[in-house]
Amino acid sequence: AYPRDLPRLQALLPTVTTPVLVISGKDDPIVPPANGELLARNLPHAAHRVFHAGHFVWEDDAAGYMDAVSAWVTGGYRQV
């Protein structure tokens, strides 16, 4: 549904005021990093991290995922 739904959602993204950390797996066969890029470009307070991983980033790069999320919730969100 992403090719159909993302364009419809894109118009709403600028209204989201909550900081968002978008995480993508470089080799994700289900949700490509381009979807994360679209989100990060259109959300006003977003950061996008791409990991050398597939769809399950938290499993493929558990340490990197943990570091990114920990940094985000302990203040990284203030940087966007």
PDB file of N, CA and C in Angstrom:
ATOM      1  N   ALA A   1       0.813  -1.207   0.000  1.00  0.00           N
ATOM      2  CA  ALA A   1       0.000   0.000   0.000  1.00  0.00           C
ATOM      3  C   ALA A   1       0.854   1.268   0.000  1.00  0.00           C
ATOM      4  N   TYR A   2       2.164   1.136   0.247  1.00  0.00           N
ATOM      5  CA  TYR A   2       2.991   2.339   0.321  1.00  0.00           C
ATOM      6  C   TYR A   2       2.934   3.205  -0.931  1.00  0.00           C
ATOM      7  N   PRO A   3       3.083   2.648  -2.125  1.00  0.00           N
ATOM      8  CA  PRO A   3       3.035   3.526  -3.303  1.00  0.00           C
ATOM      9  C   PRO A   3       1.722   4.297  -3.414  1.00  0.00           C
ATOM     10  N   ARG A   4       0.637   3.686  -2.961  1.00  0.00           N
ATOM     11  CA  ARG A   4      -0.663   4.348  -3.023  1.00  0.00           C
ATOM     12  C   ARG A   4      -0.867   5.310  -1.860  1.00  0.00           C
ATOM     13  N   ASP A   5      -0.457   4.909  -0.658  1.00  0.00           N
ATOM     14  CA  ASP A   5      -0.776   5.682   0.538  1.00  0.00           C
ATOM     15  C   ASP A   5       0.188   6.822   0.835  1.00  0.00           C
ATOM     16  N   LEU A   6       1.467   6.650   0.534  1.00  0.00           N
ATOM     17  CA  LEU A   6       2.422   7.712   0.880  1.00  0.00           C
ATOM     18  C   LEU A   6       2.096   9.053   0.234  1.00  0.00           C
ATOM     19  N   PRO A   7       1.741   9.101  -1.041  1.00  0.00           N
ATOM     20  CA  PRO A   7       1.392  10.423  -1.595  1.00  0.00           C
ATOM     21  C   PRO A   7       0.209  11.075  -0.879  1.00  0.00           C
ATOM     22  N   ARG A   8      -0.763  10.262  -0.460  1.00  0.00           N
ATOM     23  CA  ARG A   8      -1.910  10.832   0.264  1.00  0.00           C
ATOM     24  C   ARG A   8      -1.496  11.339   1.639  1.00  0.00           C
ATOM     25  N   LEU A   9      -0.587  10.623   2.272  1.00  0.00           N
ATOM     26  CA  LEU A   9      -0.129  11.031   3.599  1.00  0.00           C
ATOM     27  C   LEU A   9       0.838  12.208   3.545  1.00  0.00           C
ATOM     28  N   GLN A  10       1.534  12.344   2.443  1.00  0.00           N
ATOM     29  CA  GLN A  10       2.561  13.376   2.317  1.00  0.00           C
ATOM     30  C   GLN A  10       2.022  14.771   2.628  1.00  0.00           C
ATOM     31  N   ALA A  11       0.819  15.055   2.222  1.00  0.00           N
ATOM     32  CA  ALA A  11       0.234  16.372   2.484  1.00  0.00           C
ATOM     33  C   ALA A  11       0.014  16.620   3.971  1.00  0.00           C
ATOM     34  N   LEU A  12      -0.150  15.565   4.750  1.00  0.00           N
ATOM     35  CA  LEU A  12      -0.393  15.709   6.187  1.00  0.00           C
ATOM     36  C   LEU A  12       0.890  15.815   7.000  1.00  0.00           C
ATOM     37  N   LEU A  13       1.991  15.327   6.469  1.00  0.00           N
ATOM     38  CA  LEU A  13       3.230  15.261   7.236  1.00  0.00           C
ATOM     39  C   LEU A  13       3.690  16.607   7.797  1.00  0.00           C
ATOM     40  N   PRO A  14       3.590  17.714   7.055  1.00  0.00           N
ATOM     41  CA  PRO A  14       4.041  18.992   7.622  1.00  0.00           C
ATOM     42  C   PRO A  14       3.256  19.440   8.851  1.00  0.00           C
ATOM     43  N   THR A  15       2.125  18.836   9.117  1.00  0.00           N
ATOM     44  CA  THR A  15       1.323  19.228  10.285  1.00  0.00           C
ATOM     45  C   THR A  15       1.734  18.481  11.550  1.00  0.00           C
ATOM     46  N   VAL A  16       2.618  17.503  11.436  1.00  0.00           N
ATOM     47  CA  VAL A  16       3.063  16.727  12.596  1.00  0.00           C
ATOM     48  C   VAL A  16       4.138  17.528  13.322  1.00  0.00           C
ATOM     49  N   THR A  17       3.880  17.905  14.551  1.00  0.00           N
ATOM     50  CA  THR A  17       4.828  18.744  15.286  1.00  0.00           C
ATOM     51  C   THR A  17       5.733  17.938  16.223  1.00  0.00           C
ATOM     52  N   THR A  18       5.414  16.689  16.430  1.00  0.00           N
ATOM     53  CA  THR A  18       6.222  15.830  17.302  1.00  0.00           C
ATOM     54  C   THR A  18       7.527  15.463  16.607  1.00  0.00           C
ATOM     55  N   PRO A  19       8.666  15.571  17.276  1.00  0.00           N
ATOM     56  CA  PRO A  19       9.919  15.116  16.677  1.00  0.00           C
ATOM     57  C   PRO A  19       9.858  13.616  16.371  1.00  0.00           C
ATOM     58  N   VAL A  20      10.381  13.237  15.220  1.00  0.00           N
ATOM     59  CA  VAL A  20      10.299  11.852  14.763  1.00  0.00           C
ATOM     60  C   VAL A  20      11.677  11.362  14.348  1.00  0.00           C
ATOM     61  N   LEU A  21      12.056  10.216  14.854  1.00  0.00           N
ATOM     62  CA  LEU A  21      13.257   9.542  14.398  1.00  0.00           C
ATOM     63  C   LEU A  21      12.817   8.453  13.430  1.00  0.00           C
ATOM     64  N   VAL A  22      13.196   8.604  12.180  1.00  0.00           N
ATOM     65  CA  VAL A  22      12.860   7.633  11.142  1.00  0.00           C
ATOM     66  C   VAL A  22      14.058   6.695  11.001  1.00  0.00           C
ATOM     67  N   ILE A  23      13.810   5.407  11.125  1.00  0.00           N
ATOM     68  CA  ILE A  23      14.880   4.415  11.030  1.00  0.00           C
ATOM     69  C   ILE A  23      14.581   3.496   9.854  1.00  0.00           C
ATOM     70  N   SER A  24      15.584   3.338   8.994  1.00  0.00           N
ATOM     71  CA  SER A  24      15.445   2.477   7.821  1.00  0.00           C
ATOM     72  C   SER A  24      16.595   1.498   7.751  1.00  0.00           C
ATOM     73  N   GLY A  25      16.307   0.359   7.148  1.00  0.00           N
ATOM     74  CA  GLY A  25      17.342  -0.605   6.830  1.00  0.00           C
ATOM     75  C   GLY A  25      17.733  -0.444   5.371  1.00  0.00           C
ATOM     76  N   LYS A  26      19.015  -0.285   5.107  1.00  0.00           N
ATOM     77  CA  LYS A  26      19.497  -0.061   3.742  1.00  0.00           C
ATOM     78  C   LYS A  26      19.043  -1.171   2.790  1.00  0.00           C
ATOM     79  N   ASP A  27      18.962  -2.384   3.279  1.00  0.00           N
ATOM     80  CA  ASP A  27      18.603  -3.527   2.449  1.00  0.00           C
ATOM     81  C   ASP A  27      17.206  -4.062   2.750  1.00  0.00           C
ATOM     82  N   ASP A  28      16.324  -3.197   3.197  1.00  0.00           N
ATOM     83  CA  ASP A  28      14.963  -3.603   3.539  1.00  0.00           C
ATOM     84  C   ASP A  28      14.175  -3.906   2.261  1.00  0.00           C
ATOM     85  N   PRO A  29      13.743  -5.157   2.075  1.00  0.00           N
ATOM     86  CA  PRO A  29      12.993  -5.500   0.874  1.00  0.00           C
ATOM     87  C   PRO A  29      11.505  -5.151   0.959  1.00  0.00           C
ATOM     88  N   ILE A  30      11.044  -4.743   2.147  1.00  0.00           N
ATOM     89  CA  ILE A  30       9.616  -4.479   2.358  1.00  0.00           C
ATOM     90  C   ILE A  30       9.325  -2.980   2.376  1.00  0.00           C
ATOM     91  N   VAL A  31      10.096  -2.230   3.153  1.00  0.00           N
ATOM     92  CA  VAL A  31       9.923  -0.772   3.256  1.00  0.00           C
ATOM     93  C   VAL A  31      11.257  -0.135   2.884  1.00  0.00           C
ATOM     94  N   PRO A  32      11.416   0.286   1.646  1.00  0.00           N
ATOM     95  CA  PRO A  32      12.710   0.811   1.202  1.00  0.00           C
ATOM     96  C   PRO A  32      13.078   2.117   1.907  1.00  0.00           C
ATOM     97  N   PRO A  33      14.381   2.392   2.017  1.00  0.00           N
ATOM     98  CA  PRO A  33      14.825   3.635   2.649  1.00  0.00           C
ATOM     99  C   PRO A  33      14.234   4.890   1.993  1.00  0.00           C
ATOM    100  N   ALA A  34      13.853   4.806   0.741  1.00  0.00           N
ATOM    101  CA  ALA A  34      13.231   5.967   0.081  1.00  0.00           C
ATOM    102  C   ALA A  34      11.963   6.402   0.805  1.00  0.00           C
ATOM    103  N   ASN A  35      11.260   5.455   1.411  1.00  0.00           N
ATOM    104  CA  ASN A  35      10.067   5.829   2.184  1.00  0.00           C
ATOM    105  C   ASN A  35      10.471   6.650   3.409  1.00  0.00           C
ATOM    106  N   GLY A  36      11.540   6.250   4.075  1.00  0.00           N
ATOM    107  CA  GLY A  36      12.038   7.014   5.214  1.00  0.00           C
ATOM    108  C   GLY A  36      12.519   8.390   4.806  1.00  0.00           C
ATOM    109  N   GLU A  37      13.158   8.468   3.638  1.00  0.00           N
ATOM    110  CA  GLU A  37      13.616   9.760   3.132  1.00  0.00           C
ATOM    111  C   GLU A  37      12.435  10.686   2.892  1.00  0.00           C
ATOM    112  N   LEU A  38      11.355  10.152   2.313  1.00  0.00           N
ATOM    113  CA  LEU A  38      10.155  10.960   2.079  1.00  0.00           C
ATOM    114  C   LEU A  38       9.608  11.491   3.401  1.00  0.00           C
ATOM    115  N   LEU A  39       9.547  10.623   4.401  1.00  0.00           N
ATOM    116  CA  LEU A  39       9.056  11.061   5.714  1.00  0.00           C
ATOM    117  C   LEU A  39       9.946  12.160   6.290  1.00  0.00           C
ATOM    118  N   ALA A  40      11.242  11.929   6.280  1.00  0.00           N
ATOM    119  CA  ALA A  40      12.177  12.892   6.872  1.00  0.00           C
ATOM    120  C   ALA A  40      12.150  14.235   6.146  1.00  0.00           C
ATOM    121  N   ARG A  41      11.968  14.205   4.832  1.00  0.00           N
ATOM    122  CA  ARG A  41      11.909  15.455   4.066  1.00  0.00           C
ATOM    123  C   ARG A  41      10.653  16.250   4.379  1.00  0.00           C
ATOM    124  N   ASN A  42       9.572  15.573   4.692  1.00  0.00           N
ATOM    125  CA  ASN A  42       8.287  16.249   4.833  1.00  0.00           C
ATOM    126  C   ASN A  42       7.817  16.461   6.264  1.00  0.00           C
ATOM    127  N   LEU A  43       8.418  15.762   7.210  1.00  0.00           N
ATOM    128  CA  LEU A  43       8.110  16.025   8.620  1.00  0.00           C
ATOM    129  C   LEU A  43       8.974  17.194   9.078  1.00  0.00           C
ATOM    130  N   PRO A  44       8.390  18.181   9.736  1.00  0.00           N
ATOM    131  CA  PRO A  44       9.167  19.373  10.085  1.00  0.00           C
ATOM    132  C   PRO A  44      10.271  19.142  11.119  1.00  0.00           C
ATOM    133  N   HIS A  45      10.143  18.129  11.942  1.00  0.00           N
ATOM    134  CA  HIS A  45      11.122  17.872  13.004  1.00  0.00           C
ATOM    135  C   HIS A  45      11.516  16.398  12.970  1.00  0.00           C
ATOM    136  N   ALA A  46      12.280  16.023  11.949  1.00  0.00           N
ATOM    137  CA  ALA A  46      12.618  14.616  11.783  1.00  0.00           C
ATOM    138  C   ALA A  46      14.097  14.433  11.490  1.00  0.00           C
ATOM    139  N   ALA A  47      14.584  13.280  11.907  1.00  0.00           N
ATOM    140  CA  ALA A  47      15.925  12.826  11.561  1.00  0.00           C
ATOM    141  C   ALA A  47      15.769  11.440  10.959  1.00  0.00           C
ATOM    142  N   HIS A  48      16.599  11.124   9.988  1.00  0.00           N
ATOM    143  CA  HIS A  48      16.527   9.821   9.321  1.00  0.00           C
ATOM    144  C   HIS A  48      17.856   9.115   9.468  1.00  0.00           C
ATOM    145  N   ARG A  49      17.816   7.920  10.016  1.00  0.00           N
ATOM    146  CA  ARG A  49      19.011   7.085  10.163  1.00  0.00           C
ATOM    147  C   ARG A  49      18.825   5.845   9.319  1.00  0.00           C
ATOM    148  N   VAL A  50      19.795   5.559   8.484  1.00  0.00           N
ATOM    149  CA  VAL A  50      19.773   4.358   7.653  1.00  0.00           C
ATOM    150  C   VAL A  50      20.883   3.438   8.148  1.00  0.00           C
ATOM    151  N   PHE A  51      20.515   2.202   8.440  1.00  0.00           N
ATOM    152  CA  PHE A  51      21.457   1.222   8.957  1.00  0.00           C
ATOM    153  C   PHE A  51      21.741   0.159   7.908  1.00  0.00           C
ATOM    154  N   HIS A  52      22.914  -0.444   7.988  1.00  0.00           N
ATOM    155  CA  HIS A  52      23.241  -1.590   7.135  1.00  0.00           C
ATOM    156  C   HIS A  52      22.475  -2.776   7.703  1.00  0.00           C
ATOM    157  N   ALA A  53      21.221  -2.872   7.293  1.00  0.00           N
ATOM    158  CA  ALA A  53      20.311  -3.879   7.847  1.00  0.00           C
ATOM    159  C   ALA A  53      19.191  -4.120   6.858  1.00  0.00           C
ATOM    160  N   GLY A  54      18.377  -5.111   7.177  1.00  0.00           N
ATOM    161  CA  GLY A  54      17.187  -5.395   6.401  1.00  0.00           C
ATOM    162  C   GLY A  54      15.981  -4.767   7.061  1.00  0.00           C
ATOM    163  N   HIS A  55      14.862  -5.488   7.032  1.00  0.00           N
ATOM    164  CA  HIS A  55      13.615  -4.954   7.570  1.00  0.00           C
ATOM    165  C   HIS A  55      13.612  -4.878   9.090  1.00  0.00           C
ATOM    166  N   PHE A  56      14.328  -5.789   9.746  1.00  0.00           N
ATOM    167  CA  PHE A  56      14.337  -5.825  11.206  1.00  0.00           C
ATOM    168  C   PHE A  56      15.633  -5.207  11.721  1.00  0.00           C
ATOM    169  N   VAL A  57      15.723  -3.896  11.643  1.00  0.00           N
ATOM    170  CA  VAL A  57      16.939  -3.179  12.029  1.00  0.00           C
ATOM    171  C   VAL A  57      17.326  -3.512  13.461  1.00  0.00           C
ATOM    172  N   TRP A  58      16.352  -3.589  14.351  1.00  0.00           N
ATOM    173  CA  TRP A  58      16.634  -3.843  15.767  1.00  0.00           C
ATOM    174  C   TRP A  58      17.266  -5.213  15.981  1.00  0.00           C
ATOM    175  N   GLU A  59      17.111  -6.128  15.030  1.00  0.00           N
ATOM    176  CA  GLU A  59      17.767  -7.426  15.127  1.00  0.00           C
ATOM    177  C   GLU A  59      19.092  -7.447  14.356  1.00  0.00           C
ATOM    178  N   ASP A  60      19.082  -6.864  13.153  1.00  0.00           N
ATOM    179  CA  ASP A  60      20.267  -6.899  12.292  1.00  0.00           C
ATOM    180  C   ASP A  60      21.403  -6.029  12.815  1.00  0.00           C
ATOM    181  N   ASP A  61      21.064  -4.929  13.463  1.00  0.00           N
ATOM    182  CA  ASP A  61      22.073  -4.040  14.047  1.00  0.00           C
ATOM    183  C   ASP A  61      21.561  -3.562  15.402  1.00  0.00           C
ATOM    184  N   ALA A  62      21.465  -4.500  16.325  1.00  0.00           N
ATOM    185  CA  ALA A  62      20.882  -4.201  17.642  1.00  0.00           C
ATOM    186  C   ALA A  62      21.631  -3.084  18.354  1.00  0.00           C
ATOM    187  N   ALA A  63      22.953  -3.113  18.304  1.00  0.00           N
ATOM    188  CA  ALA A  63      23.740  -2.084  19.001  1.00  0.00           C
ATOM    189  C   ALA A  63      23.525  -0.711  18.370  1.00  0.00           C
ATOM    190  N   GLY A  64      23.553  -0.627  17.055  1.00  0.00           N
ATOM    191  CA  GLY A  64      23.337   0.652  16.383  1.00  0.00           C
ATOM    192  C   GLY A  64      21.942   1.190  16.619  1.00  0.00           C
ATOM    193  N   TYR A  65      20.968   0.296  16.578  1.00  0.00           N
ATOM    194  CA  TYR A  65      19.581   0.677  16.833  1.00  0.00           C
ATOM    195  C   TYR A  65      19.433   1.214  18.251  1.00  0.00           C
ATOM    196  N   MET A  66      19.996   0.487  19.201  1.00  0.00           N
ATOM    197  CA  MET A  66      19.916   0.910  20.607  1.00  0.00           C
ATOM    198  C   MET A  66      20.580   2.273  20.805  1.00  0.00           C
ATOM    199  N   ASP A  67      21.743   2.461  20.195  1.00  0.00           N
ATOM    200  CA  ASP A  67      22.440   3.744  20.321  1.00  0.00           C
ATOM    201  C   ASP A  67      21.607   4.881  19.740  1.00  0.00           C
ATOM    202  N   ALA A  68      21.025   4.658  18.561  1.00  0.00           N
ATOM    203  CA  ALA A  68      20.233   5.708  17.907  1.00  0.00           C
ATOM    204  C   ALA A  68      18.999   6.069  18.719  1.00  0.00           C
ATOM    205  N   VAL A  69      18.274   5.071  19.172  1.00  0.00           N
ATOM    206  CA  VAL A  69      17.053   5.327  19.938  1.00  0.00           C
ATOM    207  C   VAL A  69      17.397   5.951  21.288  1.00  0.00           C
ATOM    208  N   SER A  70      18.435   5.446  21.945  1.00  0.00           N
ATOM    209  CA  SER A  70      18.840   6.013  23.241  1.00  0.00           C
ATOM    210  C   SER A  70      19.242   7.474  23.098  1.00  0.00           C
ATOM    211  N   ALA A  71      20.021   7.767  22.070  1.00  0.00           N
ATOM    212  CA  ALA A  71      20.445   9.157  21.840  1.00  0.00           C
ATOM    213  C   ALA A  71      19.239  10.045  21.557  1.00  0.00           C
ATOM    214  N   TRP A  72      18.274   9.521  20.809  1.00  0.00           N
ATOM    215  CA  TRP A  72      17.078  10.294  20.458  1.00  0.00           C
ATOM    216  C   TRP A  72      16.262  10.635  21.703  1.00  0.00           C
ATOM    217  N   VAL A  73      15.973   9.639  22.536  1.00  0.00           N
ATOM    218  CA  VAL A  73      15.093   9.873  23.692  1.00  0.00           C
ATOM    219  C   VAL A  73      15.782  10.620  24.823  1.00  0.00           C
ATOM    220  N   THR A  74      17.106  10.657  24.808  1.00  0.00           N
ATOM    221  CA  THR A  74      17.810  11.402  25.862  1.00  0.00           C
ATOM    222  C   THR A  74      18.209  12.794  25.405  1.00  0.00           C
ATOM    223  N   GLY A  75      17.583  13.276  24.354  1.00  0.00           N
ATOM    224  CA  GLY A  75      17.801  14.663  23.960  1.00  0.00           C
ATOM    225  C   GLY A  75      18.111  14.896  22.498  1.00  0.00           C
ATOM    226  N   GLY A  76      18.402  13.847  21.759  1.00  0.00           N
ATOM    227  CA  GLY A  76      18.703  14.013  20.338  1.00  0.00           C
ATOM    228  C   GLY A  76      17.576  14.653  19.564  1.00  0.00           C
ATOM    229  N   TYR A  77      16.359  14.418  20.011  1.00  0.00           N
ATOM    230  CA  TYR A  77      15.202  15.005  19.337  1.00  0.00           C
ATOM    231  C   TYR A  77      15.230  16.529  19.366  1.00  0.00           C
ATOM    232  N   ARG A  78      15.969  17.085  20.296  1.00  0.00           N
ATOM    233  CA  ARG A  78      16.047  18.557  20.376  1.00  0.00           C
ATOM    234  C   ARG A  78      16.897  19.149  19.252  1.00  0.00           C
ATOM    235  N   GLN A  79      17.657  18.299  18.552  1.00  0.00           N
ATOM    236  CA  GLN A  79      18.550  18.764  17.496  1.00  0.00           C
ATOM    237  C   GLN A  79      17.843  19.013  16.180  1.00  0.00           C
ATOM    238  N   VAL A  80      16.593  18.567  16.063  1.00  0.00           N
ATOM    239  CA  VAL A  80      15.881  18.717  14.765  1.00  0.00           C
ATOM    240  C   VAL A  80      14.898  19.851  14.815  1.00  0.00           C
TER     241      VAL A  80
END
